[in-house]
Amino acid sequence: MQLTLDMPELKRLSQPTPNLLAYNLIVICRSAGKDGLALLVYVTEQIPEQGYRGRVVILHNEPGVLSNACSI
């Protein structure tokens, strides 16, 4: 007996993987949402797989909050 499942996430995994070794610096922008977290998890999984040894910066942006340096 063979079980067949329709799993769209498997199609996503078959997409080309970005070559992290082409970059000296990777900046990941986060705003505490699920998309930013998913990207962070994906990149941190790719770092050891690809042997990336450059810098990774996570830039946190809190939507709706202005910096003290901003004047309105």
Protein backbone atom coordinates (compact mmCIF):
# COMPACT_ATOMS: atom_id res chain seq x y z
CA MET A 1 0.00 0.00 0.00
CA GLN A 2 1.34 3.40 -0.95
CA LEU A 3 0.25 6.62 0.71
CA THR A 4 0.26 9.80 -1.35
CA LEU A 5 0.05 13.21 0.29
CA ASP A 6 -0.30 16.61 -1.31
CA MET A 7 2.22 18.72 0.60
CA PRO A 8 2.77 22.18 -0.93
CA GLU A 9 5.67 22.82 1.47
CA LEU A 10 7.66 20.10 -0.33
CA LYS A 11 7.34 22.05 -3.58
CA ARG A 12 8.75 25.09 -1.79
CA LEU A 13 11.73 23.07 -0.58
CA SER A 14 12.55 22.10 -4.15
CA GLN A 15 13.24 25.75 -5.04
CA PRO A 16 16.85 26.84 -5.62
CA THR A 17 18.78 27.63 -2.44
CA PRO A 18 20.53 31.02 -2.29
CA ASN A 19 24.31 30.74 -2.25
CA LEU A 20 25.28 32.34 1.08
CA LEU A 21 28.97 32.08 0.19
CA ALA A 22 28.46 34.87 -2.35
CA TYR A 23 27.94 37.36 0.50
CA ASN A 24 30.23 38.90 3.13
CA LEU A 25 27.30 40.19 5.17
CA ILE A 26 23.73 38.97 5.53
CA VAL A 27 21.16 41.31 7.07
CA ILE A 28 17.88 39.82 8.23
CA CYS A 29 15.12 42.31 9.05
CA ARG A 30 12.72 41.18 11.77
CA SER A 31 9.61 42.68 13.25
CA ALA A 32 8.66 39.80 15.59
CA GLY A 33 6.35 38.31 12.96
CA LYS A 34 6.21 34.77 11.67
CA ASP A 35 7.72 35.63 8.26
CA GLY A 36 10.84 37.15 9.79
CA LEU A 37 11.18 34.21 12.16
CA ALA A 38 10.83 31.74 9.29
CA LEU A 39 13.57 33.54 7.36
CA LEU A 40 15.83 33.58 10.42
CA VAL A 41 15.35 29.85 10.97
CA TYR A 42 15.96 29.12 7.29
CA VAL A 43 19.19 31.14 7.15
CA THR A 44 20.51 29.66 10.40
CA GLU A 45 19.91 26.17 8.98
CA GLN A 46 21.72 27.07 5.75
CA ILE A 47 24.81 28.58 7.46
CA PRO A 48 26.38 25.28 8.61
CA GLU A 49 25.15 23.38 5.54
CA GLN A 50 26.91 25.82 3.21
CA GLY A 51 29.92 26.54 5.45
CA TYR A 52 29.16 30.27 5.57
CA ARG A 53 31.64 32.16 7.76
CA GLY A 54 30.64 35.77 7.10
CA ARG A 55 28.71 38.12 9.34
CA VAL A 56 24.99 37.85 9.99
CA VAL A 57 23.14 40.86 11.40
CA ILE A 58 19.57 40.71 12.65
CA LEU A 59 17.90 44.10 12.42
CA HIS A 60 14.84 44.30 14.65
CA ASN A 61 12.15 46.75 13.63
CA GLU A 62 9.18 47.24 15.89
CA PRO A 63 6.25 48.46 13.77
CA GLY A 64 4.50 51.52 15.11
CA VAL A 65 7.36 52.58 17.40
CA LEU A 66 9.34 55.69 16.54
CA SER A 67 12.91 56.19 17.60
CA ASN A 68 13.71 59.01 20.05
CA ALA A 69 15.87 60.48 17.27
CA CYS A 70 12.78 61.10 15.13
CA SER A 71 10.88 64.36 15.46
CA ILE A 72 7.32 64.77 14.28
